Amino acid sequence: QVQLVESGGGLVQAGGSLRLSCAASGRTFSSCAMGWFRQAPGKEREFVVGISRSARTSYYTNSVKGRFTISRDNAKNTVYLQMNSLKPEDTAVYYCAAVETGQFSWVPRSLYDYAYWGQGTQVTVSS
């Protein structure tokens, strides 16, 4: 069992930055592929970025490439999402997700691939 708690959301002006954190409980974090999803009002939850359990592989959705960076610290059981050059269209609730896997380089991109979810943190970007 893995429990996830996100933090770091807030209100920021367009062009600004935020850093989200997702702290995981349990001793299996290093065995988990991790992902960030987001859901805007009236829209479906969408994949933003994911990182493999080895941290050697990551995958970004096109709209955030060059602006967002995912990283993980297995010693701290934490995954981070650095978001720069934020745009109003980045406004959403951001969710952290995890799945235990034996594949070191797998980056799941479907929400159905993930077994554990955080409660979400609101990110609002004003224009």
Foldseek 3Di string as FASTA:
>chain_A
DKAKAKDWADEEAAQAKIKMKIAIDDDQLLQKKKFKWWDDPPGDIFTAKIAFSLRPDMDGDPVQPPFWDWDDDSVRRMIMIIGGRDDQVVWTWMKMFIDGDPDRGDTDGDPVRTDYIYPTDTHGYHD
